[in-house]
N, C-alpha and C. Protein backbone atom coordinates (compact mmCIF):
# COMPACT_ATOMS: atom_id res chain seq x y z
N MET A 1 -17.05 -29.38 31.29
CA MET A 1 -16.53 -29.53 29.93
C MET A 1 -16.92 -28.33 29.07
N ARG A 2 -18.17 -27.91 29.18
CA ARG A 2 -18.66 -26.78 28.38
C ARG A 2 -17.90 -25.50 28.74
N HIS A 3 -17.61 -25.35 30.04
CA HIS A 3 -16.87 -24.17 30.50
C HIS A 3 -15.47 -24.15 29.88
N ARG A 4 -14.84 -25.31 29.79
CA ARG A 4 -13.50 -25.40 29.23
C ARG A 4 -13.49 -25.03 27.74
N VAL A 5 -14.49 -25.48 26.99
CA VAL A 5 -14.59 -25.18 25.56
C VAL A 5 -14.80 -23.67 25.37
N THR A 6 -15.66 -23.08 26.19
CA THR A 6 -15.90 -21.64 26.11
C THR A 6 -14.63 -20.87 26.44
N LEU A 7 -13.92 -21.30 27.46
CA LEU A 7 -12.69 -20.65 27.86
C LEU A 7 -11.64 -20.74 26.74
N LEU A 8 -11.53 -21.89 26.11
CA LEU A 8 -10.59 -22.05 25.01
C LEU A 8 -10.97 -21.16 23.82
N PHE A 9 -12.26 -21.06 23.56
CA PHE A 9 -12.73 -20.21 22.47
C PHE A 9 -12.39 -18.74 22.74
N VAL A 10 -12.64 -18.30 23.96
CA VAL A 10 -12.34 -16.91 24.33
C VAL A 10 -10.84 -16.66 24.24
N ALA A 11 -10.04 -17.59 24.72
CA ALA A 11 -8.59 -17.43 24.68
C ALA A 11 -8.09 -17.36 23.24
N ALA A 12 -8.62 -18.21 22.37
CA ALA A 12 -8.21 -18.20 20.97
C ALA A 12 -8.63 -16.91 20.29
N THR A 13 -9.81 -16.43 20.60
CA THR A 13 -10.29 -15.19 20.01
C THR A 13 -9.43 -14.01 20.45
N LEU A 14 -9.13 -13.93 21.73
CA LEU A 14 -8.29 -12.83 22.23
C LEU A 14 -6.88 -12.90 21.66
N THR A 15 -6.35 -14.09 21.50
CA THR A 15 -5.02 -14.25 20.91
C THR A 15 -5.03 -13.77 19.46
N GLY A 16 -6.07 -14.12 18.73
CA GLY A 16 -6.19 -13.68 17.34
C GLY A 16 -6.33 -12.18 17.24
N LEU A 17 -7.11 -11.58 18.11
CA LEU A 17 -7.26 -10.13 18.10
C LEU A 17 -5.96 -9.42 18.46
N ALA A 18 -5.25 -9.96 19.42
CA ALA A 18 -3.98 -9.36 19.81
C ALA A 18 -2.98 -9.42 18.66
N ALA A 19 -2.95 -10.54 17.96
CA ALA A 19 -2.02 -10.68 16.84
C ALA A 19 -2.41 -9.76 15.69
N ALA A 20 -3.69 -9.52 15.52
CA ALA A 20 -4.15 -8.67 14.41
C ALA A 20 -3.88 -7.20 14.68
N THR A 21 -3.80 -6.81 15.94
CA THR A 21 -3.61 -5.40 16.25
C THR A 21 -2.14 -5.00 16.32
N VAL A 22 -1.24 -5.98 16.36
CA VAL A 22 0.19 -5.67 16.40
C VAL A 22 0.62 -5.25 15.00
N PRO A 23 1.23 -4.07 14.86
CA PRO A 23 1.64 -3.63 13.53
C PRO A 23 2.76 -4.52 12.98
N ALA A 24 2.75 -4.67 11.69
CA ALA A 24 3.79 -5.47 11.04
C ALA A 24 5.13 -4.75 11.16
N ARG A 25 6.15 -5.50 11.33
CA ARG A 25 7.48 -4.89 11.45
C ARG A 25 8.01 -4.62 10.06
N ALA A 26 8.30 -3.39 9.80
CA ALA A 26 8.81 -2.99 8.50
C ALA A 26 10.32 -2.82 8.58
N GLN A 27 10.95 -2.91 7.42
CA GLN A 27 12.38 -2.66 7.39
C GLN A 27 12.64 -1.19 7.67
N LYS A 28 13.72 -0.92 8.37
CA LYS A 28 14.10 0.46 8.60
C LYS A 28 14.66 1.02 7.29
N ILE A 29 14.42 2.30 7.08
CA ILE A 29 14.97 2.94 5.88
C ILE A 29 16.47 3.13 6.12
N VAL A 30 17.25 2.73 5.13
CA VAL A 30 18.70 2.79 5.22
C VAL A 30 19.15 4.24 5.30
N ASP A 31 20.06 4.53 6.22
CA ASP A 31 20.66 5.85 6.31
C ASP A 31 22.09 5.76 5.78
N PRO A 32 22.33 6.29 4.57
CA PRO A 32 23.66 6.17 3.97
C PRO A 32 24.78 6.78 4.81
N LYS A 33 24.46 7.70 5.70
CA LYS A 33 25.48 8.34 6.54
C LYS A 33 26.06 7.37 7.56
N THR A 34 25.29 6.36 7.93
CA THR A 34 25.74 5.42 8.96
C THR A 34 26.43 4.20 8.38
N VAL A 35 26.56 4.14 7.05
CA VAL A 35 27.17 2.99 6.38
C VAL A 35 28.62 3.31 6.06
N ALA A 36 29.44 2.28 6.04
CA ALA A 36 30.84 2.46 5.70
C ALA A 36 30.96 3.10 4.32
N PRO A 37 31.99 3.93 4.12
CA PRO A 37 32.12 4.66 2.85
C PRO A 37 32.10 3.79 1.60
N GLU A 38 32.65 2.58 1.68
CA GLU A 38 32.68 1.73 0.48
C GLU A 38 31.30 1.19 0.13
N PHE A 39 30.36 1.24 1.05
CA PHE A 39 29.00 0.75 0.78
C PHE A 39 27.98 1.88 0.66
N ARG A 40 28.46 3.12 0.72
CA ARG A 40 27.55 4.27 0.75
C ARG A 40 26.71 4.38 -0.53
N GLU A 41 27.31 4.15 -1.68
CA GLU A 41 26.56 4.26 -2.94
C GLU A 41 25.42 3.24 -3.00
N ALA A 42 25.70 2.02 -2.58
CA ALA A 42 24.65 1.00 -2.55
C ALA A 42 23.57 1.36 -1.54
N ALA A 43 23.97 1.94 -0.42
CA ALA A 43 22.99 2.34 0.60
C ALA A 43 22.10 3.47 0.09
N GLU A 44 22.67 4.38 -0.68
CA GLU A 44 21.87 5.47 -1.26
C GLU A 44 20.84 4.92 -2.26
N LYS A 45 21.25 3.95 -3.06
CA LYS A 45 20.31 3.32 -4.00
C LYS A 45 19.20 2.60 -3.25
N ARG A 46 19.56 1.86 -2.20
CA ARG A 46 18.57 1.13 -1.41
C ARG A 46 17.60 2.10 -0.73
N GLN A 47 18.12 3.21 -0.23
CA GLN A 47 17.26 4.20 0.41
C GLN A 47 16.26 4.77 -0.60
N ALA A 48 16.72 5.06 -1.81
CA ALA A 48 15.83 5.58 -2.84
C ALA A 48 14.74 4.56 -3.18
N GLU A 49 15.12 3.27 -3.27
CA GLU A 49 14.13 2.22 -3.52
C GLU A 49 13.11 2.13 -2.39
N GLN A 50 13.59 2.19 -1.17
CA GLN A 50 12.69 2.09 -0.02
C GLN A 50 11.71 3.26 0.02
N LEU A 51 12.19 4.46 -0.25
CA LEU A 51 11.32 5.63 -0.25
C LEU A 51 10.28 5.54 -1.35
N LYS A 52 10.69 5.08 -2.54
CA LYS A 52 9.76 4.92 -3.65
C LYS A 52 8.70 3.86 -3.31
N LEU A 53 9.14 2.77 -2.70
CA LEU A 53 8.22 1.71 -2.30
C LEU A 53 7.21 2.21 -1.27
N ASN A 54 7.67 3.02 -0.31
CA ASN A 54 6.77 3.60 0.68
C ASN A 54 5.75 4.53 0.00
N GLU A 55 6.20 5.32 -0.96
CA GLU A 55 5.29 6.20 -1.68
C GLU A 55 4.22 5.39 -2.42
N CYS A 56 4.64 4.31 -3.06
CA CYS A 56 3.69 3.47 -3.80
C CYS A 56 2.69 2.80 -2.85
N ASN A 57 3.16 2.34 -1.70
CA ASN A 57 2.26 1.73 -0.71
C ASN A 57 1.27 2.76 -0.19
N ASN A 58 1.73 3.97 0.07
CA ASN A 58 0.83 5.03 0.53
C ASN A 58 -0.18 5.40 -0.54
N ALA A 59 0.26 5.44 -1.81
CA ALA A 59 -0.66 5.75 -2.90
C ALA A 59 -1.73 4.66 -3.02
N ALA A 60 -1.34 3.41 -2.79
CA ALA A 60 -2.30 2.31 -2.85
C ALA A 60 -3.32 2.43 -1.72
N LYS A 61 -2.88 2.85 -0.56
CA LYS A 61 -3.81 3.03 0.56
C LYS A 61 -4.78 4.16 0.27
N VAL A 62 -4.27 5.25 -0.28
CA VAL A 62 -5.13 6.40 -0.62
C VAL A 62 -6.15 6.00 -1.68
N ALA A 63 -5.70 5.20 -2.66
CA ALA A 63 -6.58 4.75 -3.73
C ALA A 63 -7.50 3.61 -3.28
N LYS A 64 -7.32 3.14 -2.03
CA LYS A 64 -8.13 2.07 -1.46
C LYS A 64 -8.09 0.79 -2.32
N ILE A 65 -6.87 0.41 -2.68
CA ILE A 65 -6.66 -0.81 -3.45
C ILE A 65 -6.86 -2.01 -2.53
N GLN A 66 -7.57 -3.02 -3.02
CA GLN A 66 -7.80 -4.21 -2.21
C GLN A 66 -6.50 -4.98 -2.04
N LYS A 67 -6.41 -5.73 -0.94
CA LYS A 67 -5.18 -6.47 -0.64
C LYS A 67 -4.80 -7.43 -1.76
N ARG A 68 -5.79 -8.05 -2.40
CA ARG A 68 -5.48 -9.01 -3.45
C ARG A 68 -4.83 -8.34 -4.66
N ASP A 69 -5.08 -7.04 -4.87
CA ASP A 69 -4.53 -6.30 -6.01
C ASP A 69 -3.34 -5.43 -5.62
N MET A 70 -2.98 -5.43 -4.34
CA MET A 70 -1.94 -4.54 -3.83
C MET A 70 -0.59 -4.79 -4.49
N ALA A 71 -0.16 -6.04 -4.61
CA ALA A 71 1.16 -6.34 -5.15
C ALA A 71 1.29 -5.84 -6.59
N GLN A 72 0.28 -6.07 -7.38
CA GLN A 72 0.32 -5.64 -8.78
C GLN A 72 0.35 -4.11 -8.86
N TYR A 73 -0.47 -3.46 -8.06
CA TYR A 73 -0.52 -1.99 -8.06
C TYR A 73 0.82 -1.40 -7.66
N VAL A 74 1.41 -1.92 -6.59
CA VAL A 74 2.68 -1.40 -6.10
C VAL A 74 3.79 -1.67 -7.12
N ALA A 75 3.78 -2.85 -7.74
CA ALA A 75 4.81 -3.17 -8.73
C ALA A 75 4.72 -2.23 -9.93
N GLU A 76 3.49 -1.94 -10.40
CA GLU A 76 3.33 -1.02 -11.52
C GLU A 76 3.74 0.39 -11.14
N CYS A 77 3.39 0.80 -9.94
CA CYS A 77 3.77 2.13 -9.45
C CYS A 77 5.30 2.22 -9.34
N PHE A 78 5.91 1.18 -8.84
CA PHE A 78 7.37 1.18 -8.64
C PHE A 78 8.11 1.26 -9.98
N ASP A 79 7.53 0.63 -11.02
CA ASP A 79 8.18 0.62 -12.34
C ASP A 79 8.07 1.96 -13.07
N LYS A 80 7.14 2.80 -12.65
CA LYS A 80 6.96 4.10 -13.33
C LYS A 80 8.11 5.02 -13.08
């Protein structure tokens, strides 16, 4: 019984570590050239938003903003 509990603990720990090391899947940056001409303007706006958001996230990482304050920091950066 003790062996089974230890084995379950090790399995749960390894599963948690594996999940923590997998990078989060981010949205791909829109390429306006690959979008139909009637949607190109919207794609250009979305691309600009995505690039600005990436810049703000990188600035937050450089500034070592804590995760709890990340959303507020990025939102303020995005509004500038």
